[in-house]
C-alpha atoms as a PDB file:
ATOM      1  CA  MET A   1     146.561  69.951 -33.975  1.00  0.00           C
ATOM      2  CA  LEU A   2     143.600  71.700 -35.561  1.00  0.00           C
ATOM      3  CA  ALA A   3     141.323  69.921 -38.056  1.00  0.00           C
ATOM      4  CA  VAL A   4     139.544  71.757 -40.869  1.00  0.00           C
ATOM      5  CA  SER A   5     136.554  70.061 -42.451  1.00  0.00           C
ATOM      6  CA  PHE A   6     133.371  70.650 -44.431  1.00  0.00           C
ATOM      7  CA  LEU A   7     129.902  69.212 -44.064  1.00  0.00           C
ATOM      8  CA  GLY A   8     127.044  68.880 -46.507  1.00  0.00           C
ATOM      9  CA  LYS A   9     123.446  67.732 -46.614  1.00  0.00           C
ATOM     10  CA  GLY A  10     124.153  64.354 -48.191  1.00  0.00           C
ATOM     11  CA  PRO A  11     122.485  61.149 -47.038  1.00  0.00           C
ATOM     12  CA  TYR A  12     125.701  59.805 -45.508  1.00  0.00           C
ATOM     13  CA  GLN A  13     125.772  56.105 -44.612  1.00  0.00           C
ATOM     14  CA  LYS A  14     127.373  54.532 -41.560  1.00  0.00           C
ATOM     15  CA  VAL A  15     130.559  52.549 -42.291  1.00  0.00           C
ATOM     16  CA  THR A  16     133.813  51.890 -40.469  1.00  0.00           C
ATOM     17  CA  TYR A  17     136.597  54.273 -41.521  1.00  0.00           C
ATOM     18  CA  THR A  18     140.134  52.956 -41.171  1.00  0.00           C
ATOM     19  CA  TRP A  19     143.471  54.742 -40.923  1.00  0.00           C
ATOM     20  CA  GLN A  20     146.528  52.650 -40.120  1.00  0.00           C
ATOM     21  CA  SER A  21     145.527  50.873 -36.880  1.00  0.00           C
ATOM     22  CA  GLN A  22     142.732  53.340 -36.015  1.00  0.00           C
ATOM     23  CA  GLU A  23     139.072  53.005 -36.910  1.00  0.00           C
ATOM     24  CA  CYS A  24     135.748  54.734 -36.322  1.00  0.00           C
ATOM     25  CA  THR A  25     132.222  53.670 -37.238  1.00  0.00           C
ATOM     26  CA  THR A  26     130.083  56.665 -38.173  1.00  0.00           C
ATOM     27  CA  ASP A  27     127.978  58.217 -40.906  1.00  0.00           C
ATOM     28  CA  LEU A  28     129.676  61.640 -40.550  1.00  0.00           C
ATOM     29  CA  PHE A  29     133.309  61.616 -41.618  1.00  0.00           C
ATOM     30  CA  PRO A  30     134.249  64.792 -39.659  1.00  0.00           C
ATOM     31  CA  GLU A  31     133.463  62.748 -36.530  1.00  0.00           C
ATOM     32  CA  ALA A  32     135.892  60.059 -37.731  1.00  0.00           C
ATOM     33  CA  VAL A  33     138.547  62.752 -38.228  1.00  0.00           C
ATOM     34  CA  VAL A  34     138.253  63.717 -34.559  1.00  0.00           C
ATOM     35  CA  ARG A  35     138.116  60.147 -33.261  1.00  0.00           C
ATOM     36  CA  ILE A  36     140.995  58.858 -35.437  1.00  0.00           C
ATOM     37  CA  PHE A  37     143.391  61.819 -35.553  1.00  0.00           C
ATOM     38  CA  GLY A  38     142.575  63.461 -32.191  1.00  0.00           C
ATOM     39  CA  PRO A  39     142.729  67.181 -33.022  1.00  0.00           C
ATOM     40  CA  GLU A  40     142.169  69.668 -30.228  1.00  0.00           C
ATOM     41  CA  ARG A  41     139.496  71.413 -32.306  1.00  0.00           C
ATOM     42  CA  LEU A  42     137.489  70.783 -35.461  1.00  0.00           C
ATOM     43  CA  LEU A  43     136.698  73.802 -37.613  1.00  0.00           C
ATOM     44  CA  VAL A  44     133.773  72.747 -39.758  1.00  0.00           C
ATOM     45  CA  PHE A  45     132.833  75.044 -42.626  1.00  0.00           C
ATOM     46  CA  VAL A  46     129.098  75.050 -43.325  1.00  0.00           C
ATOM     47  CA  THR A  47     126.597  77.024 -45.360  1.00  0.00           C
ATOM     48  CA  GLU A  48     123.429  78.409 -43.775  1.00  0.00           C
ATOM     49  CA  GLU A  49     121.496  75.517 -45.328  1.00  0.00           C
ATOM     50  CA  VAL A  50     123.776  72.964 -43.733  1.00  0.00           C
ATOM     51  CA  LYS A  51     123.567  74.691 -40.334  1.00  0.00           C
ATOM     52  CA  ARG A  52     119.830  73.915 -40.361  1.00  0.00           C
ATOM     53  CA  HIS A  53     120.311  70.308 -41.535  1.00  0.00           C
ATOM     54  CA  GLU A  54     120.165  67.162 -39.406  1.00  0.00           C
ATOM     55  CA  ASN A  55     123.796  66.293 -40.337  1.00  0.00           C
ATOM     56  CA  PHE A  56     125.034  69.412 -38.588  1.00  0.00           C
ATOM     57  CA  ARG A  57     122.810  68.873 -35.547  1.00  0.00           C
ATOM     58  CA  ALA A  58     124.104  65.296 -35.225  1.00  0.00           C
ATOM     59  CA  LEU A  59     127.720  66.435 -35.526  1.00  0.00           C
ATOM     60  CA  GLN A  60     127.130  69.100 -32.859  1.00  0.00           C
ATOM     61  CA  GLU A  61     125.697  66.492 -30.493  1.00  0.00           C
ATOM     62  CA  ARG A  62     128.618  64.130 -30.995  1.00  0.00           C
ATOM     63  CA  LEU A  63     131.463  66.672 -30.953  1.00  0.00           C
ATOM     64  CA  SER A  64     130.082  69.651 -29.053  1.00  0.00           C
ATOM     65  CA  ASN A  65     133.247  70.348 -27.049  1.00  0.00           C
ATOM     66  CA  LYS A  66     135.560  70.154 -30.091  1.00  0.00           C
ATOM     67  CA  LEU A  67     133.350  71.579 -32.835  1.00  0.00           C
ATOM     68  CA  GLN A  68     133.699  75.156 -34.050  1.00  0.00           C
ATOM     69  CA  PRO A  69     131.326  75.914 -36.950  1.00  0.00           C
ATOM     70  CA  ILE A  70     132.308  78.603 -39.430  1.00  0.00           C
ATOM     71  CA  GLY A  71     129.750  79.941 -41.864  1.00  0.00           C
ATOM     72  CA  ILE A  72     130.599  80.114 -45.553  1.00  0.00           C
ATOM     73  CA  PRO A  73     128.652  81.061 -48.668  1.00  0.00           C
ATOM     74  CA  SER A  74     127.614  78.399 -51.177  1.00  0.00           C
ATOM     75  CA  GLY A  75     130.379  79.246 -53.653  1.00  0.00           C
ATOM     76  CA  ARG A  76     128.083  80.148 -56.529  1.00  0.00           C
ATOM     77  CA  SER A  77     130.219  83.050 -57.732  1.00  0.00           C
ATOM     78  CA  VAL A  78     133.851  84.087 -57.860  1.00  0.00           C
ATOM     79  CA  GLU A  79     133.179  86.513 -55.013  1.00  0.00           C
ATOM     80  CA  GLU A  80     131.739  83.731 -52.856  1.00  0.00           C
ATOM     81  CA  LEU A  81     134.720  81.482 -53.601  1.00  0.00           C
ATOM     82  CA  TRP A  82     137.049  84.269 -52.478  1.00  0.00           C
ATOM     83  CA  ALA A  83     134.955  84.624 -49.316  1.00  0.00           C
ATOM     84  CA  VAL A  84     135.415  80.896 -48.625  1.00  0.00           C
ATOM     85  CA  PHE A  85     139.170  81.259 -49.156  1.00  0.00           C
ATOM     86  CA  GLU A  86     139.323  84.252 -46.798  1.00  0.00           C
ATOM     87  CA  ARG A  87     137.265  82.575 -44.049  1.00  0.00           C
ATOM     88  CA  CYS A  88     139.428  79.464 -44.204  1.00  0.00           C
ATOM     89  CA  ALA A  89     142.628  81.495 -44.097  1.00  0.00           C
ATOM     90  CA  GLU A  90     141.383  83.711 -41.250  1.00  0.00           C
ATOM     91  CA  ALA A  91     140.198  80.779 -39.127  1.00  0.00           C
ATOM     92  CA  VAL A  92     143.607  79.116 -38.895  1.00  0.00           C
ATOM     93  CA  PRO A  93     146.033  80.780 -36.458  1.00  0.00           C
ATOM     94  CA  GLU A  94     149.718  81.326 -37.141  1.00  0.00           C
ATOM     95  CA  ASP A  95     152.109  78.447 -36.420  1.00  0.00           C
ATOM     96  CA  ALA A  96     149.263  75.928 -36.196  1.00  0.00           C
ATOM     97  CA  GLU A  97     149.504  72.260 -37.084  1.00  0.00           C
ATOM     98  CA  VAL A  98     146.573  71.425 -39.336  1.00  0.00           C
ATOM     99  CA  LEU A  99     144.752  68.459 -40.769  1.00  0.00           C
ATOM    100  CA  LEU A 100     142.604  69.313 -43.797  1.00  0.00           C
ATOM    101  CA  ASP A 101     139.631  67.087 -44.588  1.00  0.00           C
ATOM    102  CA  ILE A 102     138.297  67.619 -48.117  1.00  0.00           C
ATOM    103  CA  THR A 103     135.804  64.747 -48.049  1.00  0.00           C
ATOM    104  CA  HIS A 104     132.591  66.786 -48.012  1.00  0.00           C
ATOM    105  CA  ALA A 105     133.953  69.902 -49.689  1.00  0.00           C
ATOM    106  CA  PHE A 106     131.396  70.625 -52.396  1.00  0.00           C
ATOM    107  CA  ARG A 107     132.157  71.283 -56.101  1.00  0.00           C
ATOM    108  CA  SER A 108     135.349  73.355 -56.423  1.00  0.00           C
ATOM    109  CA  LEU A 109     136.005  73.670 -52.680  1.00  0.00           C
ATOM    110  CA  PRO A 110     138.784  71.030 -52.624  1.00  0.00           C
ATOM    111  CA  LEU A 111     140.759  73.252 -55.006  1.00  0.00           C
ATOM    112  CA  ILE A 112     140.165  76.216 -52.704  1.00  0.00           C
ATOM    113  CA  VAL A 113     141.383  74.119 -49.762  1.00  0.00           C
ATOM    114  CA  PHE A 114     144.608  73.240 -51.595  1.00  0.00           C
ATOM    115  CA  ALA A 115     145.150  76.930 -52.361  1.00  0.00           C
ATOM    116  CA  VAL A 116     144.475  77.849 -48.728  1.00  0.00           C
ATOM    117  CA  ALA A 117     146.942  75.182 -47.581  1.00  0.00           C
ATOM    118  CA  ALA A 118     149.707  76.604 -49.777  1.00  0.00           C
ATOM    119  CA  TYR A 119     148.846  80.151 -48.651  1.00  0.00           C
ATOM    120  CA  LEU A 120     148.862  79.239 -44.943  1.00  0.00           C
ATOM    121  CA  ARG A 121     152.181  77.429 -45.201  1.00  0.00           C
ATOM    122  CA  ARG A 122     153.811  80.504 -46.693  1.00  0.00           C
ATOM    123  CA  THR A 123     152.112  83.329 -44.814  1.00  0.00           C
ATOM    124  CA  LYS A 124     151.292  81.936 -41.355  1.00  0.00           C
ATOM    125  CA  ARG A 125     153.972  79.242 -41.016  1.00  0.00           C
ATOM    126  CA  VAL A 126     151.214  76.638 -40.717  1.00  0.00           C
ATOM    127  CA  VAL A 127     152.305  73.013 -40.854  1.00  0.00           C
ATOM    128  CA  ILE A 128     149.895  70.836 -42.838  1.00  0.00           C
ATOM    129  CA  ARG A 129     150.094  67.364 -41.241  1.00  0.00           C
ATOM    130  CA  HIS A 130     147.494  65.624 -43.357  1.00  0.00           C
ATOM    131  CA  ILE A 131     145.068  66.270 -46.190  1.00  0.00           C
ATOM    132  CA  VAL A 132     142.559  63.476 -45.817  1.00  0.00           C
ATOM    133  CA  TYR A 133     139.776  62.073 -47.937  1.00  0.00           C
ATOM    134  CA  ARG A 134     137.460  59.232 -46.936  1.00  0.00           C
ATOM    135  CA  ALA A 135     137.398  56.659 -49.701  1.00  0.00           C
ATOM    136  CA  TYR A 136     133.791  55.593 -49.235  1.00  0.00           C
ATOM    137  CA  GLU A 137     133.647  54.078 -52.731  1.00  0.00           C
ATOM    138  CA  ALA A 138     136.702  51.897 -51.941  1.00  0.00           C
ATOM    139  CA  ARG A 139     135.037  50.225 -48.943  1.00  0.00           C
ATOM    140  CA  GLN A 140     135.230  46.476 -48.520  1.00  0.00           C
ATOM    141  CA  PRO A 141     132.989  44.779 -49.138  1.00  0.00           C
ATOM    142  CA  LEU A 142     131.427  47.133 -51.657  1.00  0.00           C
ATOM    143  CA  ARG A 143     127.745  46.485 -51.141  1.00  0.00           C
ATOM    144  CA  GLU A 144     124.544  48.475 -51.393  1.00  0.00           C
ATOM    145  CA  PRO A 145     123.289  49.518 -49.028  1.00  0.00           C
ATOM    146  CA  PRO A 146     126.529  49.703 -47.056  1.00  0.00           C
ATOM    147  CA  GLN A 147     126.644  48.170 -43.602  1.00  0.00           C
ATOM    148  CA  PRO A 148     128.334  49.662 -40.504  1.00  0.00           C
ATOM    149  CA  GLU A 149     130.974  46.908 -40.557  1.00  0.00           C
ATOM    150  CA  ASP A 150     131.997  47.741 -44.148  1.00  0.00           C
ATOM    151  CA  ARG A 151     135.499  49.163 -44.011  1.00  0.00           C
ATOM    152  CA  ALA A 152     136.388  52.332 -45.916  1.00  0.00           C
ATOM    153  CA  PRO A 153     140.002  53.525 -46.023  1.00  0.00           C
ATOM    154  CA  VAL A 154     141.099  57.072 -45.305  1.00  0.00           C
ATOM    155  CA  PHE A 155     143.537  58.444 -47.904  1.00  0.00           C
ATOM    156  CA  ASP A 156     146.165  61.070 -47.082  1.00  0.00           C
ATOM    157  CA  LEU A 157     146.641  63.397 -50.066  1.00  0.00           C
ATOM    158  CA  MET A 158     149.454  65.398 -48.463  1.00  0.00           C
ATOM    159  CA  ASP A 159     151.970  64.022 -50.950  1.00  0.00           C
ATOM    160  CA  TRP A 160     149.896  65.507 -53.778  1.00  0.00           C
ATOM    161  CA  LEU A 161     150.285  69.007 -52.332  1.00  0.00           C
ATOM    162  CA  SER A 162     154.043  68.581 -52.005  1.00  0.00           C
ATOM    163  CA  GLY A 163     154.208  67.339 -55.594  1.00  0.00           C
ATOM    164  CA  ALA A 164     152.140  70.267 -56.852  1.00  0.00           C
ATOM    165  CA  GLU A 165     154.384  72.742 -55.046  1.00  0.00           C
ATOM    166  CA  ALA A 166     157.553  71.095 -56.409  1.00  0.00           C
ATOM    167  CA  TRP A 167     156.094  71.189 -59.903  1.00  0.00           C
ATOM    168  CA  GLN A 168     155.177  74.854 -59.515  1.00  0.00           C
ATOM    169  CA  ALA A 169     158.602  75.822 -58.146  1.00  0.00           C
ATOM    170  CA  ARG A 170     160.860  73.645 -60.288  1.00  0.00           C
ATOM    171  CA  GLY A 171     158.740  71.844 -62.866  1.00  0.00           C
ATOM    172  CA  ASP A 172     159.535  68.614 -60.979  1.00  0.00           C
ATOM    173  CA  ALA A 173     156.569  66.846 -59.376  1.00  0.00           C
END
């Protein structure tokens, strides 16, 4: 399986992410994706700004053998959004099994990711296994500042994509 993720410059806090019986304590959710779901590779889409940020350096240190960074523009124009779409679509090989992580996808990028997922399923026979989002705001206990032992669930939004496709094809979500 291949994981596709995004990373930003946010001041991410360390908590324990939980998925079924798996868990991972980290401040960088793409690391949790690798530790919990075990993909062979993590494609992380980053802007030039993010490539120079401490979040990216930390992720490289922790996942060096699995991490494959892919540069994207900031998405400040329609042309840049199309470039993001194209880079995502080009990075995923045919017949791949993919996990999409939209947690740190900035502004409209989650919508682009959903469009890429539908495109890849139809054109490259890609199987989307999961579309995950870390529910940091749903952590228990919900305290400020969060503590590493605070537990935040991981949501799988894959059913939303299937519903959207059914609605588009038949008007039945």
